[in-house]
């Protein structure tokens, strides 16, 4: 069938990947340092990718293309976000003899990535949930003892993952007996996505539980 679909000029493309991040359907990927339309049937013809391209490498054309297949696109996204089969609780790691400072890991479960987390798991029942930007642990040396201790930890980066976590977090909060929610983010703008997703999920779940947002500076200091 003939329909409106995007075309990418590889000569103009600088491989920044902003178009791939903006494409919620997953129709665009970076191949060999250049943006590529991976599947015609995933391109909905709405053009969210156009305004974010700094090189003007994307345009609409009308050509023969496979019909937009929302069902196949959603199935593909579900496969990518399928929970890790190795989900499990973790025993607390003992501090080795002679270790300096507090060397114990406070990670209580696996996996920790939001996209890989199961929607239901025994370790969520009665848990205090920590949702953190993955950069936060690198900015603050006492992240394990200061934030993770006594909590189930989930991490993510909205910019790198290119997803909105709100739906996944809504399901987690709705299906499990979560007792509290703490969000730790960096002060950089891209971390706003993880805060917005968590707050939106809390509202959508209908759960009335204690929650807070902690913002860290790039030097690890806690911002008001």
N, C-alpha and C. Protein backbone atom coordinates (compact mmCIF):
# COMPACT_ATOMS: atom_id res chain seq x y z
N UNK A 1 0.84 -1.19 0.00
CA UNK A 1 0.00 0.00 0.00
C UNK A 1 0.88 1.24 0.00
N UNK A 2 0.34 2.33 -0.52
CA UNK A 2 1.09 3.59 -0.58
C UNK A 2 0.67 4.45 0.60
N UNK A 3 1.65 4.89 1.38
CA UNK A 3 1.32 5.73 2.54
C UNK A 3 2.48 6.64 2.90
N UNK A 4 2.20 7.59 3.78
CA UNK A 4 3.22 8.53 4.24
C UNK A 4 4.14 7.85 5.25
N UNK A 5 5.45 8.00 5.03
CA UNK A 5 6.43 7.34 5.88
C UNK A 5 7.70 8.18 5.89
N UNK A 6 8.53 8.02 6.89
CA UNK A 6 9.73 8.84 6.95
C UNK A 6 10.82 8.32 6.02
N UNK A 7 11.71 9.21 5.64
CA UNK A 7 12.92 8.87 4.89
C UNK A 7 14.09 9.57 5.56
N UNK A 8 15.20 8.85 5.73
CA UNK A 8 16.38 9.39 6.41
C UNK A 8 17.51 9.57 5.40
N UNK A 9 18.01 10.78 5.30
CA UNK A 9 19.14 11.08 4.43
C UNK A 9 20.44 10.77 5.17
N UNK A 10 21.09 9.67 4.83
CA UNK A 10 22.30 9.25 5.54
C UNK A 10 23.45 10.24 5.38
N UNK A 11 23.45 10.98 4.29
CA UNK A 11 24.52 11.96 4.08
C UNK A 11 24.43 13.11 5.07
N UNK A 12 23.21 13.41 5.53
CA UNK A 12 23.04 14.48 6.51
C UNK A 12 23.09 13.96 7.94
N UNK A 13 22.74 12.71 8.14
CA UNK A 13 22.64 12.15 9.49
C UNK A 13 23.98 12.17 10.21
N UNK A 14 23.97 12.65 11.47
CA UNK A 14 25.21 12.68 12.26
C UNK A 14 25.26 11.56 13.30
N UNK A 15 24.24 10.70 13.31
CA UNK A 15 24.24 9.55 14.21
C UNK A 15 24.02 9.87 15.67
N UNK A 16 23.40 11.02 15.97
CA UNK A 16 23.21 11.43 17.36
C UNK A 16 22.23 10.53 18.11
N UNK A 17 21.29 9.91 17.41
CA UNK A 17 20.34 8.99 18.04
C UNK A 17 19.11 9.64 18.64
N UNK A 18 18.95 10.95 18.50
CA UNK A 18 17.78 11.62 19.07
C UNK A 18 16.49 11.15 18.43
N UNK A 19 16.55 10.85 17.14
CA UNK A 19 15.34 10.37 16.45
C UNK A 19 14.91 9.01 16.98
N UNK A 20 15.87 8.14 17.26
CA UNK A 20 15.55 6.82 17.80
C UNK A 20 14.93 6.93 19.18
N UNK A 21 15.43 7.88 19.99
CA UNK A 21 14.85 8.10 21.31
C UNK A 21 13.42 8.62 21.21
N UNK A 22 13.17 9.46 20.20
CA UNK A 22 11.85 10.08 20.06
C UNK A 22 10.82 9.14 19.46
N UNK A 23 11.27 8.08 18.79
CA UNK A 23 10.35 7.15 18.13
C UNK A 23 9.84 6.13 19.14
N UNK A 24 8.61 6.31 19.61
CA UNK A 24 8.04 5.41 20.61
C UNK A 24 7.75 4.02 20.04
N UNK A 25 7.68 3.92 18.72
CA UNK A 25 7.36 2.64 18.08
C UNK A 25 8.57 1.75 17.89
N UNK A 26 9.77 2.29 18.07
CA UNK A 26 10.98 1.50 17.86
C UNK A 26 11.27 1.24 16.40
N UNK A 27 10.78 2.12 15.50
CA UNK A 27 10.99 1.93 14.07
C UNK A 27 12.38 2.35 13.62
N UNK A 28 13.06 3.17 14.42
CA UNK A 28 14.36 3.73 14.04
C UNK A 28 15.45 3.17 14.95
N UNK A 29 16.58 2.85 14.38
CA UNK A 29 17.74 2.41 15.15
C UNK A 29 19.01 3.00 14.57
N UNK A 30 20.09 2.93 15.31
CA UNK A 30 21.39 3.41 14.84
C UNK A 30 22.20 2.21 14.36
N UNK A 31 22.52 2.19 13.09
CA UNK A 31 23.26 1.09 12.47
C UNK A 31 24.48 1.68 11.76
N UNK A 32 25.64 1.23 12.17
CA UNK A 32 26.86 1.73 11.54
C UNK A 32 27.04 3.23 11.71
N UNK A 33 26.58 3.76 12.84
CA UNK A 33 26.74 5.18 13.12
C UNK A 33 25.73 6.08 12.42
N UNK A 34 24.73 5.50 11.77
CA UNK A 34 23.71 6.28 11.07
C UNK A 34 22.31 5.79 11.46
N UNK A 35 21.35 6.72 11.48
CA UNK A 35 19.97 6.35 11.77
C UNK A 35 19.39 5.58 10.60
N UNK A 36 18.65 4.51 10.91
CA UNK A 36 18.02 3.68 9.88
C UNK A 36 16.55 3.45 10.26
N UNK A 37 15.69 3.45 9.24
CA UNK A 37 14.33 3.01 9.43
C UNK A 37 14.36 1.49 9.40
N UNK A 38 14.19 0.86 10.55
CA UNK A 38 14.37 -0.57 10.67
C UNK A 38 13.20 -1.37 10.11
N UNK A 39 11.98 -0.86 10.34
CA UNK A 39 10.79 -1.57 9.87
C UNK A 39 9.73 -0.58 9.42
N UNK A 40 9.29 -0.72 8.19
CA UNK A 40 8.23 0.15 7.67
C UNK A 40 6.95 0.00 8.49
N UNK A 41 6.63 -1.23 8.91
CA UNK A 41 5.36 -1.46 9.58
C UNK A 41 5.31 -0.94 11.01
N UNK A 42 6.47 -0.48 11.55
CA UNK A 42 6.47 0.14 12.87
C UNK A 42 6.36 1.66 12.77
N UNK A 43 6.56 2.24 11.60
CA UNK A 43 6.51 3.69 11.43
C UNK A 43 5.04 4.11 11.29
N UNK A 44 4.55 4.94 12.24
CA UNK A 44 3.14 5.33 12.23
C UNK A 44 2.87 6.56 11.37
N UNK A 45 3.94 7.17 10.83
CA UNK A 45 3.75 8.33 9.97
C UNK A 45 3.41 9.61 10.68
N UNK A 46 3.57 9.65 12.02
CA UNK A 46 3.25 10.86 12.79
C UNK A 46 4.44 11.81 12.89
N UNK A 47 5.65 11.27 12.79
CA UNK A 47 6.83 12.12 12.69
C UNK A 47 7.33 12.74 13.97
N UNK A 48 7.26 12.03 15.12
CA UNK A 48 7.85 12.56 16.35
C UNK A 48 9.36 12.74 16.20
N UNK A 49 9.94 12.02 15.25
CA UNK A 49 11.39 12.08 15.05
C UNK A 49 11.84 13.34 14.32
N UNK A 50 10.95 13.93 13.53
CA UNK A 50 11.36 15.06 12.68
C UNK A 50 11.87 16.26 13.46
N UNK A 51 11.12 16.77 14.45
CA UNK A 51 11.56 18.00 15.11
C UNK A 51 12.81 17.87 15.96
N UNK A 52 13.18 16.63 16.35
CA UNK A 52 14.36 16.48 17.22
C UNK A 52 15.65 16.32 16.43
N UNK A 53 15.56 16.11 15.12
CA UNK A 53 16.77 15.90 14.31
C UNK A 53 17.50 17.22 14.10
N UNK A 54 18.72 17.36 14.64
CA UNK A 54 19.46 18.63 14.51
C UNK A 54 20.06 18.84 13.11
N UNK A 55 20.10 17.76 12.32
CA UNK A 55 20.76 17.84 11.01
C UNK A 55 19.76 17.97 9.87
N UNK A 56 18.48 17.94 10.17
CA UNK A 56 17.47 18.02 9.12
C UNK A 56 17.53 16.85 8.16
N UNK A 57 17.87 15.67 8.72
CA UNK A 57 18.08 14.50 7.86
C UNK A 57 16.82 13.68 7.63
N UNK A 58 15.70 14.05 8.28
CA UNK A 58 14.48 13.25 8.20
C UNK A 58 13.38 14.04 7.51
N UNK A 59 12.67 13.39 6.63
CA UNK A 59 11.56 14.04 5.92
C UNK A 59 10.47 13.00 5.66
N UNK A 60 9.27 13.47 5.39
CA UNK A 60 8.18 12.58 5.00
C UNK A 60 8.19 12.38 3.49
N UNK A 61 7.93 11.16 3.08
CA UNK A 61 7.68 10.88 1.67
C UNK A 61 6.45 9.97 1.58
N UNK A 62 5.91 9.84 0.40
CA UNK A 62 4.81 8.90 0.19
C UNK A 62 5.30 7.82 -0.75
N UNK A 63 5.26 6.58 -0.29
CA UNK A 63 5.77 5.47 -1.10
C UNK A 63 5.06 4.17 -0.71
N UNK A 64 5.33 3.13 -1.47
CA UNK A 64 4.83 1.82 -1.12
C UNK A 64 5.51 1.35 0.18
N UNK A 65 4.72 0.98 1.14
CA UNK A 65 5.26 0.55 2.43
C UNK A 65 4.26 -0.38 3.10
N UNK A 66 4.79 -1.24 3.95
CA UNK A 66 3.92 -2.13 4.71
C UNK A 66 3.00 -1.32 5.60
N UNK A 67 1.79 -1.80 5.80
CA UNK A 67 0.82 -1.12 6.65
C UNK A 67 1.32 -1.06 8.08
N UNK A 68 1.07 0.08 8.74
CA UNK A 68 1.47 0.23 10.14
C UNK A 68 0.81 -0.86 10.97
N UNK A 69 1.63 -1.62 11.72
CA UNK A 69 1.14 -2.76 12.47
C UNK A 69 1.37 -2.52 13.96
N UNK A 70 0.38 -1.90 14.61
CA UNK A 70 0.50 -1.57 16.02
C UNK A 70 0.61 -2.81 16.88
N UNK A 71 -0.07 -3.89 16.50
CA UNK A 71 -0.03 -5.12 17.29
C UNK A 71 1.38 -5.71 17.31
N UNK A 72 2.01 -5.78 16.13
CA UNK A 72 3.38 -6.32 16.05
C UNK A 72 4.35 -5.42 16.79
N UNK A 73 4.14 -4.10 16.68
CA UNK A 73 5.01 -3.15 17.36
C UNK A 73 4.93 -3.33 18.88
N UNK A 74 3.71 -3.46 19.41
CA UNK A 74 3.54 -3.63 20.85
C UNK A 74 4.11 -4.95 21.33
N UNK A 75 3.97 -6.00 20.52
CA UNK A 75 4.55 -7.29 20.88
C UNK A 75 6.07 -7.20 20.94
N UNK A 76 6.65 -6.47 20.01
CA UNK A 76 8.10 -6.28 19.99
C UNK A 76 8.56 -5.55 21.24
N UNK A 77 7.79 -4.53 21.66
CA UNK A 77 8.15 -3.79 22.86
C UNK A 77 8.03 -4.67 24.10
N UNK A 78 6.99 -5.52 24.14
CA UNK A 78 6.84 -6.42 25.28
C UNK A 78 8.00 -7.40 25.37
N UNK A 79 8.48 -7.88 24.21
CA UNK A 79 9.62 -8.80 24.21
C UNK A 79 10.86 -8.12 24.77
N UNK A 80 11.06 -6.85 24.38
CA UNK A 80 12.23 -6.12 24.84
C UNK A 80 12.16 -5.86 26.34
N UNK A 81 10.93 -5.65 26.86
CA UNK A 81 10.76 -5.31 28.27
C UNK A 81 10.41 -6.52 29.13
N UNK A 82 10.55 -7.73 28.58
CA UNK A 82 10.19 -8.93 29.32
C UNK A 82 11.06 -9.04 30.57
N UNK A 83 10.43 -9.31 31.74
CA UNK A 83 11.20 -9.42 32.98
C UNK A 83 12.28 -10.50 32.90
N UNK A 84 13.33 -10.29 33.66
CA UNK A 84 14.44 -11.25 33.69
C UNK A 84 14.00 -12.54 34.37
N UNK A 85 14.32 -13.67 33.73
CA UNK A 85 13.91 -14.96 34.27
C UNK A 85 14.63 -15.29 35.56
N UNK A 86 15.74 -14.61 35.85
CA UNK A 86 16.52 -14.91 37.04
C UNK A 86 16.15 -14.06 38.24
N UNK A 87 14.92 -13.52 38.29
CA UNK A 87 14.51 -12.68 39.41
C UNK A 87 14.59 -13.46 40.72
N UNK A 88 15.22 -12.87 41.74
CA UNK A 88 15.38 -13.58 43.02
C UNK A 88 15.76 -12.59 44.11
N UNK A 89 15.52 -13.02 45.34
CA UNK A 89 15.99 -12.26 46.49
C UNK A 89 17.46 -12.57 46.71
N UNK A 90 18.15 -11.62 47.34
CA UNK A 90 19.58 -11.81 47.61
C UNK A 90 19.83 -11.76 49.11
N UNK A 91 20.69 -12.63 49.57
CA UNK A 91 21.11 -12.59 50.97
C UNK A 91 22.03 -11.40 51.17
N UNK A 92 22.00 -10.83 52.36
CA UNK A 92 22.89 -9.72 52.66
C UNK A 92 24.34 -10.20 52.71
N UNK A 93 25.21 -9.48 52.02
CA UNK A 93 26.62 -9.87 51.93
C UNK A 93 27.37 -9.48 53.19
N UNK A 94 28.09 -10.42 53.77
CA UNK A 94 28.85 -10.12 54.98
C UNK A 94 30.06 -9.25 54.65
N UNK A 95 30.45 -8.44 55.61
CA UNK A 95 31.64 -7.60 55.44
C UNK A 95 32.87 -8.48 55.63
N UNK A 96 33.78 -8.51 54.62
CA UNK A 96 34.99 -9.33 54.74
C UNK A 96 35.85 -8.91 55.92
N UNK A 97 36.51 -9.86 56.54
CA UNK A 97 37.41 -9.56 57.66
C UNK A 97 38.49 -8.59 57.21
N UNK A 98 38.70 -7.56 58.00
CA UNK A 98 39.75 -6.60 57.69
C UNK A 98 39.36 -5.54 56.67
N UNK A 99 38.09 -5.57 56.21
CA UNK A 99 37.67 -4.58 55.21
C UNK A 99 37.54 -3.21 55.86
N UNK A 100 37.97 -2.21 55.13
CA UNK A 100 37.88 -0.84 55.64
C UNK A 100 36.50 -0.28 55.37
N UNK A 101 35.89 0.35 56.40
CA UNK A 101 34.59 0.99 56.21
C UNK A 101 33.48 -0.03 56.05
N UNK A 102 32.34 0.45 55.58
CA UNK A 102 31.18 -0.42 55.39
C UNK A 102 31.21 -0.96 53.96
N UNK A 103 31.63 -2.21 53.81
CA UNK A 103 31.78 -2.81 52.48
C UNK A 103 30.60 -3.68 52.09
N UNK A 104 29.57 -3.72 52.90
CA UNK A 104 28.45 -4.61 52.66
C UNK A 104 27.53 -4.07 51.58
N UNK A 105 27.12 -4.94 50.67
CA UNK A 105 26.13 -4.56 49.67
C UNK A 105 24.75 -4.58 50.31
N UNK A 106 23.95 -3.58 49.99
CA UNK A 106 22.58 -3.49 50.50
C UNK A 106 21.56 -3.90 49.44
N UNK A 107 22.03 -4.46 48.33
CA UNK A 107 21.11 -4.90 47.29
C UNK A 107 20.35 -6.13 47.77
N UNK A 108 19.02 -6.07 47.73
CA UNK A 108 18.20 -7.13 48.32
C UNK A 108 17.54 -8.04 47.28
N UNK A 109 17.66 -7.69 46.00
CA UNK A 109 16.98 -8.49 44.98
C UNK A 109 17.69 -8.32 43.64
N UNK A 110 17.33 -9.20 42.72
CA UNK A 110 17.83 -9.13 41.34
C UNK A 110 16.70 -9.49 40.40
N UNK A 111 16.52 -8.81 39.27
CA UNK A 111 17.34 -7.72 38.72
C UNK A 111 16.99 -6.37 39.35
N UNK A 112 17.79 -5.35 39.00
CA UNK A 112 17.55 -4.00 39.52
C UNK A 112 17.05 -3.04 38.44
N UNK A 113 17.24 -3.38 37.17
CA UNK A 113 16.80 -2.50 36.09
C UNK A 113 15.27 -2.50 36.01
N UNK A 114 14.67 -1.31 35.95
CA UNK A 114 13.21 -1.19 35.93
C UNK A 114 12.62 -2.01 34.79
N UNK A 115 13.22 -1.95 33.61
CA UNK A 115 12.67 -2.65 32.46
C UNK A 115 12.67 -4.17 32.65
N UNK A 116 13.60 -4.68 33.44
CA UNK A 116 13.74 -6.13 33.62
C UNK A 116 13.00 -6.64 34.85
N UNK A 117 12.55 -5.76 35.71
CA UNK A 117 11.92 -6.18 36.96
C UNK A 117 10.60 -6.90 36.69
N UNK A 118 10.32 -7.97 37.44
CA UNK A 118 9.03 -8.64 37.30
C UNK A 118 7.93 -7.76 37.87
N UNK A 119 6.70 -7.97 37.41
CA UNK A 119 5.58 -7.19 37.93
C UNK A 119 5.13 -7.69 39.30
N UNK A 120 5.39 -8.96 39.59
CA UNK A 120 5.08 -9.53 40.89
C UNK A 120 6.27 -10.35 41.36
N UNK A 121 6.63 -10.17 42.62
CA UNK A 121 7.71 -10.96 43.22
C UNK A 121 7.53 -10.91 44.74
N UNK A 122 7.89 -11.99 45.43
CA UNK A 122 7.72 -12.01 46.89
C UNK A 122 8.46 -10.87 47.60
N UNK A 123 9.61 -10.46 47.04
CA UNK A 123 10.37 -9.42 47.73
C UNK A 123 9.72 -8.04 47.66
N UNK A 124 8.69 -7.87 46.82
CA UNK A 124 7.97 -6.60 46.79
C UNK A 124 6.95 -6.48 47.92
N UNK A 125 6.51 -7.61 48.48
CA UNK A 125 5.46 -7.58 49.50
C UNK A 125 5.97 -6.95 50.79
N UNK A 126 5.34 -5.86 51.18
CA UNK A 126 5.74 -5.14 52.38
C UNK A 126 7.02 -4.34 52.22
N UNK A 127 7.46 -4.14 50.98
CA UNK A 127 8.75 -3.49 50.73
C UNK A 127 8.67 -1.97 50.73
N UNK A 128 9.77 -1.39 51.12
CA UNK A 128 10.01 0.03 50.87
C UNK A 128 10.74 0.09 49.53
N UNK A 129 10.17 0.81 48.56
CA UNK A 129 10.71 0.80 47.20
C UNK A 129 11.57 2.04 46.95
N UNK A 130 12.78 1.80 46.45
CA UNK A 130 13.66 2.88 46.02
C UNK A 130 13.76 2.85 44.50
N UNK A 131 13.38 3.94 43.86
CA UNK A 131 13.51 4.09 42.41
C UNK A 131 14.57 5.16 42.17
N UNK A 132 15.68 4.77 41.57
CA UNK A 132 16.82 5.67 41.48
C UNK A 132 17.35 5.80 40.07
N UNK A 133 17.83 6.99 39.75
CA UNK A 133 18.58 7.19 38.52
C UNK A 133 19.88 6.42 38.63
N UNK A 134 20.27 5.71 37.56
CA UNK A 134 21.44 4.85 37.68
C UNK A 134 22.74 5.62 37.90
N UNK A 135 22.75 6.92 37.62
CA UNK A 135 23.95 7.72 37.88
C UNK A 135 24.12 8.03 39.37
N UNK A 136 23.03 7.95 40.14
CA UNK A 136 23.06 8.40 41.53
C UNK A 136 24.08 7.65 42.37
N UNK A 137 24.19 6.34 42.15
CA UNK A 137 25.10 5.53 42.95
C UNK A 137 26.56 5.90 42.70
N UNK A 138 26.85 6.46 41.52
CA UNK A 138 28.21 6.85 41.19
C UNK A 138 28.54 8.24 41.75
N UNK A 139 27.51 9.02 42.00
CA UNK A 139 27.73 10.38 42.49
C UNK A 139 27.92 10.42 44.00
N UNK A 140 27.35 9.44 44.69
CA UNK A 140 27.39 9.47 46.16
C UNK A 140 27.98 8.17 46.71
N UNK A 141 29.07 8.29 47.48
CA UNK A 141 29.81 7.12 47.94
C UNK A 141 29.01 6.25 48.90
N UNK A 142 28.12 6.87 49.70
CA UNK A 142 27.37 6.09 50.70
C UNK A 142 25.98 5.71 50.20
N UNK A 143 25.83 5.53 48.89
CA UNK A 143 24.52 5.27 48.33
C UNK A 143 23.90 3.99 48.90
N UNK A 144 24.71 2.95 49.08
CA UNK A 144 24.18 1.70 49.63
C UNK A 144 23.66 1.89 51.05
N UNK A 145 24.50 2.44 51.92
CA UNK A 145 24.10 2.59 53.33
C UNK A 145 23.12 3.74 53.52
N UNK A 146 23.21 4.76 52.69
CA UNK A 146 22.38 5.94 52.88
C UNK A 146 21.00 5.86 52.25
N UNK A 147 20.86 5.10 51.16
CA UNK A 147 19.58 5.05 50.45
C UNK A 147 19.04 3.64 50.25
N UNK A 148 19.91 2.67 49.97
CA UNK A 148 19.44 1.33 49.61
C UNK A 148 19.11 0.46 50.82
N UNK A 149 19.69 0.75 51.96
CA UNK A 149 19.52 -0.11 53.14
C UNK A 149 18.05 -0.27 53.51
N UNK A 150 17.60 -1.51 53.58
CA UNK A 150 16.23 -1.80 53.98
C UNK A 150 15.20 -1.60 52.88
N UNK A 151 15.66 -1.38 51.65
CA UNK A 151 14.74 -1.12 50.55
C UNK A 151 14.97 -2.08 49.38
N UNK A 152 13.95 -2.25 48.56
CA UNK A 152 14.08 -2.91 47.27
C UNK A 152 14.43 -1.82 46.26
N UNK A 153 15.50 -2.03 45.51
CA UNK A 153 16.04 -0.98 44.64
C UNK A 153 15.77 -1.27 43.17
N UNK A 154 15.25 -0.27 42.47
CA UNK A 154 15.10 -0.33 41.02
C UNK A 154 15.77 0.89 40.42
N UNK A 155 16.53 0.69 39.33
CA UNK A 155 17.24 1.80 38.71
C UNK A 155 16.86 1.93 37.24
N UNK A 156 17.11 3.12 36.70
CA UNK A 156 16.86 3.32 35.28
C UNK A 156 17.35 4.68 34.83
N UNK A 157 17.38 4.87 33.52
CA UNK A 157 17.74 6.15 32.92
C UNK A 157 16.78 6.41 31.76
N UNK A 158 15.83 7.33 31.92
CA UNK A 158 14.86 7.59 30.86
C UNK A 158 15.50 7.96 29.53
N UNK A 159 16.62 8.67 29.60
CA UNK A 159 17.25 9.13 28.36
C UNK A 159 17.88 7.96 27.60
N UNK A 160 18.62 7.11 28.30
CA UNK A 160 19.29 6.00 27.63
C UNK A 160 18.33 4.88 27.27
N UNK A 161 17.38 4.58 28.15
CA UNK A 161 16.42 3.51 27.88
C UNK A 161 15.40 3.92 26.83
N UNK A 162 15.15 5.23 26.70
CA UNK A 162 14.21 5.72 25.70
C UNK A 162 12.78 5.27 25.95
N UNK A 163 12.40 5.11 27.24
CA UNK A 163 11.04 4.68 27.56
C UNK A 163 10.48 5.53 28.69
N UNK A 164 9.15 5.49 28.81
CA UNK A 164 8.46 6.08 29.94
C UNK A 164 8.17 4.95 30.92
N UNK A 165 8.71 5.05 32.13
CA UNK A 165 8.55 3.98 33.11
C UNK A 165 7.20 4.00 33.80
N UNK A 166 6.36 4.99 33.54
CA UNK A 166 5.15 5.19 34.32
C UNK A 166 4.25 3.95 34.33
N UNK A 167 4.04 3.35 33.15
CA UNK A 167 3.14 2.20 33.07
C UNK A 167 3.68 1.02 33.88
N UNK A 168 4.97 0.74 33.75
CA UNK A 168 5.58 -0.38 34.47
C UNK A 168 5.50 -0.14 35.98
N UNK A 169 5.82 1.07 36.43
CA UNK A 169 5.79 1.38 37.85
C UNK A 169 4.37 1.37 38.39
N UNK A 170 3.41 1.79 37.58
CA UNK A 170 2.00 1.73 38.00
C UNK A 170 1.60 0.30 38.28
N UNK A 171 1.97 -0.61 37.37
CA UNK A 171 1.66 -2.03 37.57
C UNK A 171 2.33 -2.58 38.83
N UNK A 172 3.58 -2.20 39.05
CA UNK A 172 4.30 -2.68 40.24
C UNK A 172 3.62 -2.21 41.52
N UNK A 173 3.23 -0.95 41.55
CA UNK A 173 2.60 -0.40 42.75
C UNK A 173 1.21 -0.98 42.96
N UNK A 174 0.50 -1.24 41.87
CA UNK A 174 -0.87 -1.76 41.95
C UNK A 174 -0.91 -3.21 42.38
N UNK A 175 0.07 -4.00 41.96
CA UNK A 175 0.02 -5.45 42.16
C UNK A 175 0.75 -5.93 43.41
N UNK A 176 1.47 -5.04 44.08
CA UNK A 176 2.27 -5.46 45.23
C UNK A 176 1.99 -4.56 46.44
N UNK A 177 2.28 -5.10 47.60
CA UNK A 177 2.05 -4.37 48.85
C UNK A 177 3.27 -3.50 49.17
N UNK A 178 3.47 -2.49 48.32
CA UNK A 178 4.57 -1.54 48.54
C UNK A 178 4.19 -0.58 49.65
N UNK A 179 5.07 -0.40 50.63
CA UNK A 179 4.75 0.42 51.81
C UNK A 179 5.20 1.87 51.70
N UNK A 180 6.23 2.13 50.90
CA UNK A 180 6.70 3.51 50.72
C UNK A 180 7.49 3.61 49.42
N UNK A 181 7.66 4.82 48.93
CA UNK A 181 8.37 5.05 47.67
C UNK A 181 9.35 6.21 47.85
N UNK A 182 10.61 5.95 47.54
CA UNK A 182 11.64 6.98 47.55
C UNK A 182 12.23 7.07 46.15
N UNK A 183 12.29 8.27 45.61
CA UNK A 183 12.90 8.50 44.29
C UNK A 183 14.18 9.29 44.50
N UNK A 184 15.29 8.78 43.98
CA UNK A 184 16.56 9.50 44.04
C UNK A 184 16.99 9.81 42.60
N UNK A 185 17.11 11.07 42.31
CA UNK A 185 17.47 11.51 40.97
C UNK A 185 18.64 12.48 41.04
N UNK A 186 19.27 12.72 39.88
CA UNK A 186 20.30 13.74 39.79
C UNK A 186 19.65 15.08 39.44
N UNK A 187 20.38 16.17 39.63
CA UNK A 187 19.82 17.48 39.36
C UNK A 187 19.75 17.80 37.86
N UNK A 188 20.31 16.94 37.01
CA UNK A 188 20.32 17.19 35.57
C UNK A 188 18.92 17.01 34.99
N UNK A 189 18.58 17.75 33.91
CA UNK A 189 17.21 17.74 33.37
C UNK A 189 16.70 16.38 32.96
N UNK A 190 17.56 15.53 32.38
CA UNK A 190 17.06 14.24 31.88
C UNK A 190 16.55 13.35 33.00
N UNK A 191 16.96 13.61 34.24
CA UNK A 191 16.48 12.82 35.37
C UNK A 191 15.04 13.18 35.74
N UNK A 192 14.54 14.28 35.18
CA UNK A 192 13.16 14.64 35.46
C UNK A 192 12.19 13.56 35.03
N UNK A 193 12.57 12.79 34.01
CA UNK A 193 11.70 11.74 33.50
C UNK A 193 11.44 10.65 34.51
N UNK A 194 12.45 10.30 35.32
CA UNK A 194 12.27 9.23 36.30
C UNK A 194 11.40 9.71 37.45
N UNK A 195 11.54 10.97 37.82
CA UNK A 195 10.68 11.54 38.87
C UNK A 195 9.23 11.62 38.39
N UNK A 196 9.02 12.14 37.19
CA UNK A 196 7.67 12.27 36.65
C UNK A 196 7.00 10.92 36.52
N UNK A 197 7.75 9.90 36.07
CA UNK A 197 7.18 8.57 35.90
C UNK A 197 6.75 7.99 37.25
N UNK A 198 7.58 8.16 38.26
CA UNK A 198 7.27 7.62 39.58
C UNK A 198 6.05 8.31 40.19
N UNK A 199 6.00 9.64 40.09
CA UNK A 199 4.87 10.39 40.65
C UNK A 199 3.58 10.06 39.89
N UNK A 200 3.68 9.98 38.57
CA UNK A 200 2.50 9.62 37.76
C UNK A 200 2.01 8.22 38.12
N UNK A 201 2.95 7.28 38.31
CA UNK A 201 2.59 5.91 38.66
C UNK A 201 1.91 5.85 40.01
N UNK A 202 2.40 6.63 40.95
CA UNK A 202 1.81 6.64 42.29
C UNK A 202 0.37 7.13 42.22
N UNK A 203 0.13 8.17 41.44
CA UNK A 203 -1.23 8.70 41.29
C UNK A 203 -2.13 7.69 40.57
N UNK A 204 -1.62 7.10 39.48
CA UNK A 204 -2.42 6.19 38.68
C UNK A 204 -2.74 4.90 39.43
N UNK A 205 -1.88 4.49 40.35
CA UNK A 205 -2.09 3.24 41.09
C UNK A 205 -3.16 3.37 42.15
N UNK A 206 -3.45 4.61 42.56
CA UNK A 206 -4.43 4.83 43.62
C UNK A 206 -3.92 4.49 45.01
N UNK A 207 -2.60 4.28 45.13
CA UNK A 207 -2.01 3.93 46.42
C UNK A 207 -1.69 5.19 47.21
N UNK A 208 -2.03 5.20 48.49
CA UNK A 208 -1.73 6.31 49.37
C UNK A 208 -0.65 5.85 50.34
N UNK A 209 0.60 6.04 49.94
CA UNK A 209 1.74 5.61 50.73
C UNK A 209 2.72 6.77 50.87
N UNK A 210 3.54 6.75 51.91
CA UNK A 210 4.55 7.81 52.05
C UNK A 210 5.51 7.80 50.85
N UNK A 211 5.86 8.97 50.36
CA UNK A 211 6.80 9.05 49.26
C UNK A 211 7.62 10.33 49.35
N UNK A 212 8.79 10.29 48.76
CA UNK A 212 9.65 11.47 48.73
C UNK A 212 10.56 11.42 47.52
N UNK A 213 11.03 12.59 47.11
CA UNK A 213 11.99 12.71 46.01
C UNK A 213 13.25 13.38 46.57
N UNK A 214 14.39 12.74 46.38
CA UNK A 214 15.68 13.29 46.80
C UNK A 214 16.48 13.62 45.54
N UNK A 215 16.95 14.85 45.44
CA UNK A 215 17.74 15.29 44.29
C UNK A 215 19.20 15.45 44.69
N UNK A 216 20.09 14.80 43.95
CA UNK A 216 21.52 14.89 44.22
C UNK A 216 22.19 15.81 43.22
N UNK A 217 23.14 16.60 43.69
CA UNK A 217 23.99 17.35 42.80
C UNK A 217 25.01 16.43 42.15
N UNK A 218 25.69 16.91 41.12
CA UNK A 218 26.65 16.05 40.43
C UNK A 218 27.86 15.70 41.31
N UNK A 219 28.04 16.43 42.40
CA UNK A 219 29.09 16.09 43.36
C UNK A 219 28.61 15.19 44.47
N UNK A 220 27.34 14.77 44.40
CA UNK A 220 26.79 13.87 45.40
C UNK A 220 26.05 14.54 46.53
N UNK A 221 26.10 15.87 46.59
CA UNK A 221 25.43 16.58 47.67
C UNK A 221 23.90 16.53 47.48
N UNK A 222 23.17 16.50 48.60
CA UNK A 222 21.72 16.48 48.54
C UNK A 222 21.20 17.91 48.37
N UNK A 223 20.44 18.12 47.32
CA UNK A 223 19.83 19.42 47.04
C UNK A 223 18.48 19.50 47.71
N UNK A 224 18.10 20.68 48.13
CA UNK A 224 16.76 20.87 48.71
C UNK A 224 15.73 20.82 47.61
